[in-house]
N, C-alpha and C. Protein backbone atom coordinates (compact mmCIF):
# COMPACT_ATOMS: atom_id res chain seq x y z
N MET A 1 57.52 -22.17 -29.35
CA MET A 1 57.72 -21.48 -28.09
C MET A 1 58.04 -20.01 -28.39
N ILE A 2 57.41 -19.14 -27.65
CA ILE A 2 57.56 -17.71 -27.89
C ILE A 2 58.62 -17.13 -26.95
N ASP A 3 59.53 -16.35 -27.53
CA ASP A 3 60.52 -15.66 -26.72
C ASP A 3 59.83 -14.57 -25.92
N LYS A 4 60.35 -14.33 -24.74
CA LYS A 4 59.76 -13.33 -23.86
C LYS A 4 60.90 -12.52 -23.24
N ILE A 5 60.74 -11.23 -23.15
CA ILE A 5 61.73 -10.37 -22.50
C ILE A 5 61.28 -10.13 -21.07
N ILE A 6 62.16 -10.43 -20.12
CA ILE A 6 61.83 -10.17 -18.72
C ILE A 6 62.89 -9.25 -18.12
N ASP A 7 62.50 -8.56 -17.06
CA ASP A 7 63.42 -7.72 -16.31
C ASP A 7 63.92 -8.51 -15.11
N ILE A 8 65.22 -8.45 -14.90
CA ILE A 8 65.82 -9.05 -13.70
C ILE A 8 66.64 -7.98 -13.01
N GLU A 9 66.89 -8.21 -11.74
CA GLU A 9 67.73 -7.28 -10.98
C GLU A 9 68.83 -8.07 -10.30
N ILE A 10 70.04 -7.64 -10.54
CA ILE A 10 71.20 -8.24 -9.90
C ILE A 10 72.04 -7.10 -9.34
N TYR A 11 72.26 -7.17 -8.06
CA TYR A 11 73.10 -6.21 -7.35
C TYR A 11 72.66 -4.77 -7.64
N GLY A 12 71.33 -4.57 -7.57
CA GLY A 12 70.78 -3.24 -7.71
C GLY A 12 70.66 -2.70 -9.12
N ARG A 13 71.04 -3.50 -10.11
CA ARG A 13 70.94 -3.04 -11.51
C ARG A 13 69.91 -3.88 -12.24
N LEU A 14 69.14 -3.22 -13.07
CA LEU A 14 68.12 -3.91 -13.85
C LEU A 14 68.69 -4.32 -15.20
N TYR A 15 68.30 -5.51 -15.63
CA TYR A 15 68.71 -6.04 -16.93
C TYR A 15 67.48 -6.61 -17.61
N LYS A 16 67.45 -6.54 -18.90
CA LYS A 16 66.40 -7.18 -19.70
C LYS A 16 67.05 -8.39 -20.37
N ILE A 17 66.39 -9.53 -20.21
CA ILE A 17 66.91 -10.74 -20.85
C ILE A 17 65.78 -11.46 -21.55
N ARG A 18 66.14 -12.23 -22.56
CA ARG A 18 65.17 -12.99 -23.35
C ARG A 18 65.12 -14.42 -22.80
N VAL A 19 63.92 -14.90 -22.56
CA VAL A 19 63.73 -16.28 -22.10
C VAL A 19 62.73 -16.97 -23.02
N LYS A 20 62.79 -18.29 -23.01
CA LYS A 20 61.88 -19.10 -23.81
C LYS A 20 61.05 -19.97 -22.88
N GLY A 21 59.78 -19.68 -22.77
CA GLY A 21 58.87 -20.53 -22.01
C GLY A 21 58.92 -20.29 -20.51
N GLU A 22 57.95 -20.92 -19.84
CA GLU A 22 57.81 -20.74 -18.38
C GLU A 22 58.96 -21.37 -17.60
N GLU A 23 59.41 -22.54 -18.04
CA GLU A 23 60.49 -23.22 -17.31
C GLU A 23 61.75 -22.39 -17.30
N ASP A 24 62.09 -21.81 -18.44
CA ASP A 24 63.27 -20.95 -18.49
C ASP A 24 63.13 -19.76 -17.56
N GLU A 25 61.93 -19.23 -17.44
CA GLU A 25 61.72 -18.08 -16.56
C GLU A 25 61.94 -18.47 -15.10
N LYS A 26 61.50 -19.65 -14.72
CA LYS A 26 61.73 -20.13 -13.35
C LYS A 26 63.23 -20.31 -13.11
N THR A 27 63.91 -20.90 -14.07
CA THR A 27 65.35 -21.11 -13.94
C THR A 27 66.09 -19.78 -13.86
N ILE A 28 65.71 -18.84 -14.71
CA ILE A 28 66.33 -17.51 -14.70
C ILE A 28 66.14 -16.85 -13.35
N SER A 29 64.98 -17.01 -12.75
CA SER A 29 64.72 -16.43 -11.43
C SER A 29 65.65 -17.03 -10.38
N GLN A 30 65.84 -18.34 -10.43
CA GLN A 30 66.75 -19.01 -9.49
C GLN A 30 68.19 -18.56 -9.70
N VAL A 31 68.61 -18.51 -10.95
CA VAL A 31 69.98 -18.10 -11.26
C VAL A 31 70.21 -16.65 -10.85
N THR A 32 69.23 -15.80 -11.16
CA THR A 32 69.34 -14.38 -10.79
C THR A 32 69.50 -14.22 -9.29
N SER A 33 68.67 -14.92 -8.53
CA SER A 33 68.76 -14.84 -7.06
C SER A 33 70.10 -15.33 -6.57
N PHE A 34 70.58 -16.41 -7.17
CA PHE A 34 71.87 -16.98 -6.76
C PHE A 34 73.01 -15.99 -7.01
N VAL A 35 73.05 -15.43 -8.21
CA VAL A 35 74.12 -14.48 -8.56
C VAL A 35 74.03 -13.23 -7.69
N ASP A 36 72.83 -12.72 -7.49
CA ASP A 36 72.64 -11.54 -6.65
C ASP A 36 73.13 -11.80 -5.22
N GLN A 37 72.75 -12.93 -4.69
CA GLN A 37 73.18 -13.30 -3.33
C GLN A 37 74.69 -13.43 -3.25
N ARG A 38 75.28 -14.08 -4.24
CA ARG A 38 76.73 -14.27 -4.23
C ARG A 38 77.45 -12.92 -4.31
N MET A 39 76.93 -12.01 -5.13
CA MET A 39 77.56 -10.69 -5.24
C MET A 39 77.47 -9.92 -3.92
N HIS A 40 76.35 -10.03 -3.24
CA HIS A 40 76.21 -9.36 -1.95
C HIS A 40 77.16 -9.96 -0.91
N GLU A 41 77.32 -11.27 -0.93
CA GLU A 41 78.27 -11.93 -0.03
C GLU A 41 79.70 -11.46 -0.30
N ILE A 42 80.07 -11.42 -1.57
CA ILE A 42 81.42 -10.98 -1.95
C ILE A 42 81.63 -9.53 -1.54
N ALA A 43 80.64 -8.68 -1.77
CA ALA A 43 80.76 -7.26 -1.42
C ALA A 43 80.97 -7.10 0.08
N ALA A 44 80.26 -7.88 0.88
CA ALA A 44 80.40 -7.78 2.33
C ALA A 44 81.78 -8.24 2.79
N LYS A 45 82.31 -9.26 2.15
CA LYS A 45 83.62 -9.79 2.53
C LYS A 45 84.76 -8.91 2.03
N SER A 46 84.62 -8.38 0.82
CA SER A 46 85.74 -7.64 0.23
C SER A 46 85.71 -6.16 0.58
N LYS A 47 84.61 -5.68 1.08
CA LYS A 47 84.44 -4.26 1.42
C LYS A 47 84.60 -3.36 0.20
N SER A 48 84.51 -3.93 -0.98
CA SER A 48 84.62 -3.15 -2.21
C SER A 48 83.28 -2.54 -2.57
N THR A 49 83.33 -1.39 -3.20
CA THR A 49 82.10 -0.76 -3.70
C THR A 49 82.06 -0.77 -5.22
N ASP A 50 83.10 -1.30 -5.85
CA ASP A 50 83.17 -1.35 -7.30
C ASP A 50 82.35 -2.54 -7.81
N PRO A 51 81.20 -2.29 -8.45
CA PRO A 51 80.35 -3.39 -8.90
C PRO A 51 81.04 -4.33 -9.89
N LEU A 52 81.91 -3.80 -10.73
CA LEU A 52 82.62 -4.65 -11.68
C LEU A 52 83.54 -5.62 -10.96
N LYS A 53 84.29 -5.13 -9.99
CA LYS A 53 85.20 -5.98 -9.21
C LYS A 53 84.39 -7.05 -8.46
N ILE A 54 83.26 -6.64 -7.88
CA ILE A 54 82.41 -7.59 -7.16
C ILE A 54 81.87 -8.65 -8.11
N ALA A 55 81.46 -8.24 -9.30
CA ALA A 55 80.93 -9.17 -10.30
C ALA A 55 82.01 -10.18 -10.73
N VAL A 56 83.23 -9.68 -10.94
CA VAL A 56 84.32 -10.58 -11.36
C VAL A 56 84.66 -11.55 -10.24
N LEU A 57 84.73 -11.07 -9.02
CA LEU A 57 85.02 -11.96 -7.88
C LEU A 57 83.91 -12.99 -7.69
N ALA A 58 82.66 -12.56 -7.86
CA ALA A 58 81.55 -13.50 -7.75
C ALA A 58 81.64 -14.55 -8.87
N ALA A 59 81.94 -14.12 -10.08
CA ALA A 59 82.08 -15.05 -11.20
C ALA A 59 83.19 -16.06 -10.94
N LEU A 60 84.29 -15.59 -10.39
CA LEU A 60 85.40 -16.51 -10.07
C LEU A 60 85.00 -17.52 -9.00
N ASN A 61 84.28 -17.05 -7.99
CA ASN A 61 83.81 -17.95 -6.94
C ASN A 61 82.83 -18.98 -7.49
N ILE A 62 81.91 -18.53 -8.32
CA ILE A 62 80.93 -19.44 -8.91
C ILE A 62 81.63 -20.45 -9.82
N ALA A 63 82.59 -20.00 -10.60
CA ALA A 63 83.34 -20.91 -11.48
C ALA A 63 84.12 -21.93 -10.65
N ASP A 64 84.71 -21.48 -9.55
CA ASP A 64 85.44 -22.39 -8.66
C ASP A 64 84.50 -23.47 -8.12
N ASP A 65 83.32 -23.06 -7.67
CA ASP A 65 82.32 -24.02 -7.19
C ASP A 65 81.94 -25.01 -8.29
N PHE A 66 81.76 -24.49 -9.49
CA PHE A 66 81.40 -25.34 -10.63
C PHE A 66 82.46 -26.40 -10.89
N PHE A 67 83.73 -25.99 -10.95
CA PHE A 67 84.79 -26.94 -11.25
C PHE A 67 84.97 -27.95 -10.12
N LEU A 68 84.80 -27.51 -8.88
CA LEU A 68 84.88 -28.42 -7.74
C LEU A 68 83.76 -29.45 -7.82
N THR A 69 82.55 -29.01 -8.12
CA THR A 69 81.42 -29.91 -8.25
C THR A 69 81.62 -30.88 -9.41
N ARG A 70 82.15 -30.39 -10.52
CA ARG A 70 82.40 -31.26 -11.67
C ARG A 70 83.44 -32.33 -11.32
N ARG A 71 84.49 -31.95 -10.58
CA ARG A 71 85.49 -32.94 -10.16
C ARG A 71 84.85 -34.01 -9.27
N LYS A 72 83.99 -33.57 -8.35
CA LYS A 72 83.31 -34.53 -7.47
C LYS A 72 82.40 -35.46 -8.26
N LEU A 73 81.69 -34.93 -9.25
CA LEU A 73 80.84 -35.77 -10.09
C LEU A 73 81.67 -36.76 -10.89
N ASP A 74 82.81 -36.33 -11.39
CA ASP A 74 83.70 -37.24 -12.12
C ASP A 74 84.17 -38.37 -11.21
N GLN A 75 84.51 -38.02 -9.96
CA GLN A 75 84.93 -39.04 -9.00
C GLN A 75 83.79 -40.01 -8.69
N MET A 76 82.59 -39.46 -8.56
CA MET A 76 81.43 -40.32 -8.31
C MET A 76 81.16 -41.24 -9.50
N ASP A 77 81.33 -40.71 -10.71
CA ASP A 77 81.17 -41.55 -11.90
C ASP A 77 82.17 -42.70 -11.90
N ASP A 78 83.41 -42.40 -11.51
CA ASP A 78 84.43 -43.45 -11.43
C ASP A 78 84.03 -44.53 -10.41
N VAL A 79 83.57 -44.08 -9.25
CA VAL A 79 83.15 -45.02 -8.21
C VAL A 79 81.97 -45.86 -8.70
N MET A 80 81.00 -45.20 -9.33
CA MET A 80 79.83 -45.92 -9.85
C MET A 80 80.25 -46.95 -10.90
N GLY A 81 81.21 -46.59 -11.73
CA GLY A 81 81.71 -47.54 -12.72
C GLY A 81 82.33 -48.76 -12.07
N ARG A 82 83.10 -48.53 -11.01
CA ARG A 82 83.72 -49.66 -10.29
C ARG A 82 82.66 -50.52 -9.60
N VAL A 83 81.64 -49.87 -9.02
CA VAL A 83 80.57 -50.61 -8.36
C VAL A 83 79.80 -51.44 -9.39
N GLU A 84 79.49 -50.85 -10.55
CA GLU A 84 78.78 -51.60 -11.59
C GLU A 84 79.59 -52.79 -12.07
N THR A 85 80.91 -52.61 -12.22
CA THR A 85 81.77 -53.71 -12.63
C THR A 85 81.78 -54.81 -11.58
N ALA A 86 81.88 -54.41 -10.32
CA ALA A 86 81.88 -55.39 -9.23
C ALA A 86 80.55 -56.13 -9.17
N MET A 87 79.45 -55.43 -9.39
CA MET A 87 78.13 -56.08 -9.38
C MET A 87 78.00 -57.06 -10.54
N ASP A 88 78.49 -56.67 -11.71
CA ASP A 88 78.46 -57.57 -12.87
C ASP A 88 79.27 -58.83 -12.59
N ASP A 89 80.46 -58.64 -12.01
CA ASP A 89 81.31 -59.78 -11.68
C ASP A 89 80.62 -60.70 -10.67
N LEU A 90 79.98 -60.09 -9.67
CA LEU A 90 79.29 -60.87 -8.65
C LEU A 90 78.11 -61.63 -9.26
N GLU A 91 77.39 -60.96 -10.14
CA GLU A 91 76.24 -61.61 -10.80
C GLU A 91 76.72 -62.79 -11.64
N LYS A 92 77.85 -62.63 -12.35
CA LYS A 92 78.39 -63.73 -13.16
C LYS A 92 78.79 -64.90 -12.26
N ARG A 93 79.44 -64.57 -11.12
CA ARG A 93 79.86 -65.65 -10.21
C ARG A 93 78.65 -66.36 -9.62
N LEU A 94 77.62 -65.60 -9.27
CA LEU A 94 76.43 -66.22 -8.70
C LEU A 94 75.73 -67.10 -9.73
N THR A 95 75.68 -66.62 -10.96
CA THR A 95 75.06 -67.39 -12.03
C THR A 95 75.85 -68.67 -12.27
N THR A 96 77.16 -68.55 -12.29
CA THR A 96 78.02 -69.72 -12.48
C THR A 96 77.86 -70.67 -11.31
N ASP A 97 77.82 -70.16 -10.08
CA ASP A 97 77.63 -71.00 -8.89
C ASP A 97 76.27 -71.68 -8.92
N ASP A 98 75.23 -70.98 -9.36
CA ASP A 98 73.89 -71.57 -9.45
C ASP A 98 73.89 -72.73 -10.44
N HIS A 99 74.53 -72.52 -11.61
CA HIS A 99 74.60 -73.58 -12.61
C HIS A 99 75.39 -74.77 -12.08
N ALA A 100 76.46 -74.48 -11.36
CA ALA A 100 77.27 -75.56 -10.80
C ALA A 100 76.46 -76.33 -9.75
N SER A 101 75.69 -75.63 -8.92
CA SER A 101 74.87 -76.27 -7.90
C SER A 101 73.82 -77.15 -8.54
N LEU A 102 73.19 -76.65 -9.60
CA LEU A 102 72.18 -77.45 -10.29
C LEU A 102 72.79 -78.70 -10.89
N SER A 103 73.99 -78.58 -11.45
CA SER A 103 74.67 -79.74 -12.04
C SER A 103 74.98 -80.78 -10.96
N ILE A 104 75.42 -80.31 -9.82
CA ILE A 104 75.75 -81.22 -8.72
C ILE A 104 74.49 -81.91 -8.21
N GLU A 105 73.39 -81.14 -8.08
CA GLU A 105 72.12 -81.71 -7.61
C GLU A 105 71.60 -82.77 -8.60
N LYS A 106 71.68 -82.47 -9.90
CA LYS A 106 71.23 -83.40 -10.91
C LYS A 106 72.08 -84.68 -10.87
N ALA A 107 73.38 -84.50 -10.66
CA ALA A 107 74.27 -85.64 -10.63
C ALA A 107 73.98 -86.51 -9.41
N ALA A 108 73.57 -85.89 -8.31
CA ALA A 108 73.29 -86.63 -7.09
C ALA A 108 71.99 -87.44 -7.21
N LEU A 109 71.09 -86.99 -8.09
CA LEU A 109 69.81 -87.70 -8.24
C LEU A 109 70.06 -88.94 -9.04
């Protein structure tokens, strides 16, 4: 895979970054748009004109979203683990009940 240098623009400033392959370029475009949008939102709310302050506030907001999402995913993993355990237990009980039913049917014959 060949490295490629592309130009991106975030909050009115141009940056050159290195990407690998077409997929990375698509992802970089999405990330760039997201960060640019977040910085503009922060600038409008904070009324600040200092790009560094806006960048730091945007980074903090993005990090907060990341940690919140990670906590939610961890909670979902816990729930999925409990559901899988409950399903396994139910499957074992059904299998045991099926074997018991077959034994009773055979005994009745």
